[in-house]
Amino acid sequence: MNSVTEAMEGLREGVLLDVGLDTVAPNEPKDISSWMYDYAADKIDIIDNRARAVG
């Protein structure tokens, strides 16, 4: 995919995913989303590519 803007100086290419830590039961399916998707979902036409039932 081609970029429509110039990269900002000092930033790495790509997306950094901050997963964090939590205590969960082993093999318990969890949905993974992001604040960016939650913010944009009702503002623009966006593909829902959130991870569902990750175990």
PDB file of N, CA and C in Angstrom:
ATOM      1  N   MET A   1       0.847  -1.171   0.000  1.00  0.00           N
ATOM      2  CA  MET A   1       0.000   0.000   0.000  1.00  0.00           C
ATOM      3  C   MET A   1       0.897   1.239   0.000  1.00  0.00           C
ATOM      4  N   ASN A   2       0.573   2.203  -0.816  1.00  0.00           N
ATOM      5  CA  ASN A   2       1.351   3.427  -0.895  1.00  0.00           C
ATOM      6  C   ASN A   2       0.893   4.430   0.151  1.00  0.00           C
ATOM      7  N   SER A   3       1.850   5.144   0.723  1.00  0.00           N
ATOM      8  CA  SER A   3       1.546   6.166   1.718  1.00  0.00           C
ATOM      9  C   SER A   3       1.079   7.438   1.026  1.00  0.00           C
ATOM     10  N   VAL A   4       0.179   8.161   1.667  1.00  0.00           N
ATOM     11  CA  VAL A   4      -0.300   9.428   1.108  1.00  0.00           C
ATOM     12  C   VAL A   4       0.330  10.621   1.819  1.00  0.00           C
ATOM     13  N   THR A   5       1.175  10.360   2.827  1.00  0.00           N
ATOM     14  CA  THR A   5       1.869  11.422   3.555  1.00  0.00           C
ATOM     15  C   THR A   5       3.337  11.058   3.706  1.00  0.00           C
ATOM     16  N   GLU A   6       4.138  12.035   4.009  1.00  0.00           N
ATOM     17  CA  GLU A   6       5.554  11.804   4.278  1.00  0.00           C
ATOM     18  C   GLU A   6       5.719  11.303   5.710  1.00  0.00           C
ATOM     19  N   ALA A   7       6.699  10.438   5.918  1.00  0.00           N
ATOM     20  CA  ALA A   7       6.977   9.935   7.264  1.00  0.00           C
ATOM     21  C   ALA A   7       7.531  11.066   8.128  1.00  0.00           C
ATOM     22  N   MET A   8       7.157  11.058   9.409  1.00  0.00           N
ATOM     23  CA  MET A   8       7.678  12.052  10.349  1.00  0.00           C
ATOM     24  C   MET A   8       9.078  11.642  10.782  1.00  0.00           C
ATOM     25  N   GLU A   9       9.958  12.588  10.876  1.00  0.00           N
ATOM     26  CA  GLU A   9      11.336  12.314  11.265  1.00  0.00           C
ATOM     27  C   GLU A   9      11.382  11.711  12.675  1.00  0.00           C
ATOM     28  N   GLY A  10      12.160  10.656  12.833  1.00  0.00           N
ATOM     29  CA  GLY A  10      12.346  10.033  14.137  1.00  0.00           C
ATOM     30  C   GLY A  10      11.380   8.911  14.457  1.00  0.00           C
ATOM     31  N   LEU A  11      10.366   8.693  13.597  1.00  0.00           N
ATOM     32  CA  LEU A  11       9.409   7.613  13.845  1.00  0.00           C
ATOM     33  C   LEU A  11       9.789   6.378  13.054  1.00  0.00           C
ATOM     34  N   ARG A  12       9.588   5.213  13.662  1.00  0.00           N
ATOM     35  CA  ARG A  12       9.848   3.958  12.968  1.00  0.00           C
ATOM     36  C   ARG A  12       8.675   3.633  12.046  1.00  0.00           C
ATOM     37  N   GLU A  13       8.962   2.876  10.997  1.00  0.00           N
ATOM     38  CA  GLU A  13       7.926   2.453  10.063  1.00  0.00           C
ATOM     39  C   GLU A  13       7.093   1.344  10.688  1.00  0.00           C
ATOM     40  N   GLY A  14       5.791   1.354  10.457  1.00  0.00           N
ATOM     41  CA  GLY A  14       4.919   0.292  10.935  1.00  0.00           C
ATOM     42  C   GLY A  14       4.070   0.728  12.105  1.00  0.00           C
ATOM     43  N   VAL A  15       3.421  -0.242  12.735  1.00  0.00           N
ATOM     44  CA  VAL A  15       2.526   0.010  13.856  1.00  0.00           C
ATOM     45  C   VAL A  15       3.056  -0.741  15.065  1.00  0.00           C
ATOM     46  N   LEU A  16       3.201  -0.042  16.181  1.00  0.00           N
ATOM     47  CA  LEU A  16       3.640  -0.665  17.423  1.00  0.00           C
ATOM     48  C   LEU A  16       2.410  -1.109  18.196  1.00  0.00           C
ATOM     49  N   LEU A  17       2.333  -2.399  18.506  1.00  0.00           N
ATOM     50  CA  LEU A  17       1.210  -2.925  19.264  1.00  0.00           C
ATOM     51  C   LEU A  17       1.615  -3.059  20.725  1.00  0.00           C
ATOM     52  N   ASP A  18       0.886  -2.405  21.603  1.00  0.00           N
ATOM     53  CA  ASP A  18       1.135  -2.488  23.032  1.00  0.00           C
ATOM     54  C   ASP A  18       0.098  -3.425  23.620  1.00  0.00           C
ATOM     55  N   VAL A  19       0.496  -4.661  23.892  1.00  0.00           N
ATOM     56  CA  VAL A  19      -0.442  -5.678  24.335  1.00  0.00           C
ATOM     57  C   VAL A  19      -0.760  -5.531  25.815  1.00  0.00           C
ATOM     58  N   GLY A  20       0.215  -5.228  26.633  1.00  0.00           N
ATOM     59  CA  GLY A  20      -0.010  -5.089  28.062  1.00  0.00           C
ATOM     60  C   GLY A  20      -0.024  -6.436  28.766  1.00  0.00           C
ATOM     61  N   LEU A  21      -0.329  -6.401  30.050  1.00  0.00           N
ATOM     62  CA  LEU A  21      -0.344  -7.610  30.867  1.00  0.00           C
ATOM     63  C   LEU A  21      -1.684  -7.744  31.565  1.00  0.00           C
ATOM     64  N   ASP A  22      -2.128  -8.985  31.741  1.00  0.00           N
ATOM     65  CA  ASP A  22      -3.369  -9.248  32.442  1.00  0.00           C
ATOM     66  C   ASP A  22      -3.341 -10.694  32.904  1.00  0.00           C
ATOM     67  N   THR A  23      -4.089 -11.003  33.926  1.00  0.00           N
ATOM     68  CA  THR A  23      -4.211 -12.373  34.389  1.00  0.00           C
ATOM     69  C   THR A  23      -5.480 -12.962  33.795  1.00  0.00           C
ATOM     70  N   VAL A  24      -5.323 -14.005  33.002  1.00  0.00           N
ATOM     71  CA  VAL A  24      -6.470 -14.647  32.361  1.00  0.00           C
ATOM     72  C   VAL A  24      -6.345 -16.153  32.513  1.00  0.00           C
ATOM     73  N   ALA A  25      -7.463 -16.827  32.409  1.00  0.00           N
ATOM     74  CA  ALA A  25      -7.449 -18.289  32.453  1.00  0.00           C
ATOM     75  C   ALA A  25      -6.805 -18.810  31.169  1.00  0.00           C
ATOM     76  N   PRO A  26      -6.014 -19.856  31.246  1.00  0.00           N
ATOM     77  CA  PRO A  26      -5.398 -20.410  30.030  1.00  0.00           C
ATOM     78  C   PRO A  26      -6.455 -20.822  29.008  1.00  0.00           C
ATOM     79  N   ASN A  27      -6.153 -20.571  27.758  1.00  0.00           N
ATOM     80  CA  ASN A  27      -7.007 -20.961  26.637  1.00  0.00           C
ATOM     81  C   ASN A  27      -8.412 -20.384  26.702  1.00  0.00           C
ATOM     82  N   GLU A  28      -8.569 -19.254  27.318  1.00  0.00           N
ATOM     83  CA  GLU A  28      -9.866 -18.576  27.336  1.00  0.00           C
ATOM     84  C   GLU A  28      -9.897 -17.571  26.186  1.00  0.00           C
ATOM     85  N   PRO A  29     -10.782 -17.761  25.212  1.00  0.00           N
ATOM     86  CA  PRO A  29     -10.816 -16.861  24.049  1.00  0.00           C
ATOM     87  C   PRO A  29     -11.106 -15.409  24.454  1.00  0.00           C
ATOM     88  N   LYS A  30     -10.344 -14.485  23.902  1.00  0.00           N
ATOM     89  CA  LYS A  30     -10.511 -13.056  24.155  1.00  0.00           C
ATOM     90  C   LYS A  30     -10.522 -12.307  22.832  1.00  0.00           C
ATOM     91  N   ASP A  31     -11.354 -11.278  22.742  1.00  0.00           N
ATOM     92  CA  ASP A  31     -11.351 -10.392  21.576  1.00  0.00           C
ATOM     93  C   ASP A  31     -10.284  -9.326  21.785  1.00  0.00           C
ATOM     94  N   ILE A  32      -9.591  -8.952  20.713  1.00  0.00           N
ATOM     95  CA  ILE A  32      -8.581  -7.904  20.778  1.00  0.00           C
ATOM     96  C   ILE A  32      -9.018  -6.762  19.876  1.00  0.00           C
ATOM     97  N   SER A  33      -9.078  -5.573  20.438  1.00  0.00           N
ATOM     98  CA  SER A  33      -9.459  -4.383  19.688  1.00  0.00           C
ATOM     99  C   SER A  33      -8.414  -3.307  19.944  1.00  0.00           C
ATOM    100  N   SER A  34      -8.693  -2.106  19.553  1.00  0.00           N
ATOM    101  CA  SER A  34      -7.780  -0.996  19.819  1.00  0.00           C
ATOM    102  C   SER A  34      -8.584   0.293  19.939  1.00  0.00           C
ATOM    103  N   TRP A  35      -8.007   1.247  20.628  1.00  0.00           N
ATOM    104  CA  TRP A  35      -8.687   2.532  20.777  1.00  0.00           C
ATOM    105  C   TRP A  35      -8.827   3.213  19.416  1.00  0.00           C
ATOM    106  N   MET A  36      -7.905   2.951  18.498  1.00  0.00           N
ATOM    107  CA  MET A  36      -7.991   3.584  17.168  1.00  0.00           C
ATOM    108  C   MET A  36      -9.217   3.080  16.413  1.00  0.00           C
ATOM    109  N   TYR A  37      -9.451   1.763  16.462  1.00  0.00           N
ATOM    110  CA  TYR A  37     -10.640   1.226  15.797  1.00  0.00           C
ATOM    111  C   TYR A  37     -11.899   1.755  16.467  1.00  0.00           C
ATOM    112  N   ASP A  38     -11.948   1.696  17.786  1.00  0.00           N
ATOM    113  CA  ASP A  38     -13.124   2.162  18.522  1.00  0.00           C
ATOM    114  C   ASP A  38     -13.438   3.624  18.200  1.00  0.00           C
ATOM    115  N   TYR A  39     -12.411   4.443  18.070  1.00  0.00           N
ATOM    116  CA  TYR A  39     -12.593   5.871  17.766  1.00  0.00           C
ATOM    117  C   TYR A  39     -13.105   6.073  16.335  1.00  0.00           C
ATOM    118  N   ALA A  40     -12.534   5.336  15.390  1.00  0.00           N
ATOM    119  CA  ALA A  40     -12.826   5.581  13.973  1.00  0.00           C
ATOM    120  C   ALA A  40     -14.073   4.867  13.453  1.00  0.00           C
ATOM    121  N   ALA A  41     -14.506   3.793  14.116  1.00  0.00           N
ATOM    122  CA  ALA A  41     -15.553   2.920  13.581  1.00  0.00           C
ATOM    123  C   ALA A  41     -16.853   3.641  13.244  1.00  0.00           C
ATOM    124  N   ASP A  42     -17.240   4.629  14.025  1.00  0.00           N
ATOM    125  CA  ASP A  42     -18.499   5.321  13.736  1.00  0.00           C
ATOM    126  C   ASP A  42     -18.293   6.640  12.987  1.00  0.00           C
ATOM    127  N   LYS A  43     -17.043   6.902  12.557  1.00  0.00           N
ATOM    128  CA  LYS A  43     -16.741   8.152  11.860  1.00  0.00           C
ATOM    129  C   LYS A  43     -16.449   7.961  10.370  1.00  0.00           C
ATOM    130  N   ILE A  44     -15.856   6.818  10.021  1.00  0.00           N
ATOM    131  CA  ILE A  44     -15.479   6.552   8.627  1.00  0.00           C
ATOM    132  C   ILE A  44     -15.822   5.114   8.276  1.00  0.00           C
ATOM    133  N   ASP A  45     -15.823   4.814   6.985  1.00  0.00           N
ATOM    134  CA  ASP A  45     -16.018   3.441   6.517  1.00  0.00           C
ATOM    135  C   ASP A  45     -14.701   2.702   6.738  1.00  0.00           C
ATOM    136  N   ILE A  46     -14.721   1.697   7.606  1.00  0.00           N
ATOM    137  CA  ILE A  46     -13.490   1.014   7.988  1.00  0.00           C
ATOM    138  C   ILE A  46     -13.739  -0.492   8.021  1.00  0.00           C
ATOM    139  N   ILE A  47     -12.739  -1.262   7.642  1.00  0.00           N
ATOM    140  CA  ILE A  47     -12.841  -2.722   7.679  1.00  0.00           C
ATOM    141  C   ILE A  47     -12.631  -3.181   9.113  1.00  0.00           C
ATOM    142  N   ASP A  48     -13.525  -4.007   9.608  1.00  0.00           N
ATOM    143  CA  ASP A  48     -13.402  -4.538  10.964  1.00  0.00           C
ATOM    144  C   ASP A  48     -12.444  -5.729  10.927  1.00  0.00           C
ATOM    145  N   ASN A  49     -11.169  -5.478  11.238  1.00  0.00           N
ATOM    146  CA  ASN A  49     -10.172  -6.552  11.224  1.00  0.00           C
ATOM    147  C   ASN A  49      -9.682  -6.866  12.633  1.00  0.00           C
ATOM    148  N   ARG A  50     -10.547  -6.608  13.626  1.00  0.00           N
ATOM    149  CA  ARG A  50     -10.173  -6.929  15.005  1.00  0.00           C
ATOM    150  C   ARG A  50     -10.031  -8.430  15.178  1.00  0.00           C
ATOM    151  N   ALA A  51      -9.127  -8.834  16.044  1.00  0.00           N
ATOM    152  CA  ALA A  51      -8.910 -10.260  16.319  1.00  0.00           C
ATOM    153  C   ALA A  51     -10.020 -10.759  17.248  1.00  0.00           C
ATOM    154  N   ARG A  52     -10.715 -11.782  16.841  1.00  0.00           N
ATOM    155  CA  ARG A  52     -11.824 -12.336  17.612  1.00  0.00           C
ATOM    156  C   ARG A  52     -11.452 -13.686  18.186  1.00  0.00           C
ATOM    157  N   ALA A  53     -11.824 -13.904  19.434  1.00  0.00           N
ATOM    158  CA  ALA A  53     -11.663 -15.190  20.123  1.00  0.00           C
ATOM    159  C   ALA A  53     -10.221 -15.705  20.063  1.00  0.00           C
ATOM    160  N   VAL A  54      -9.263 -14.834  20.381  1.00  0.00           N
ATOM    161  CA  VAL A  54      -7.866 -15.235  20.435  1.00  0.00           C
ATOM    162  C   VAL A  54      -7.632 -15.997  21.728  1.00  0.00           C
ATOM    163  N   GLY A  55      -7.044 -17.167  21.643  1.00  0.00           N
ATOM    164  CA  GLY A  55      -6.869 -18.001  22.830  1.00  0.00           C
ATOM    165  C   GLY A  55      -5.467 -18.355  23.126  1.00  0.00           C
TER     166      GLY A  55
END
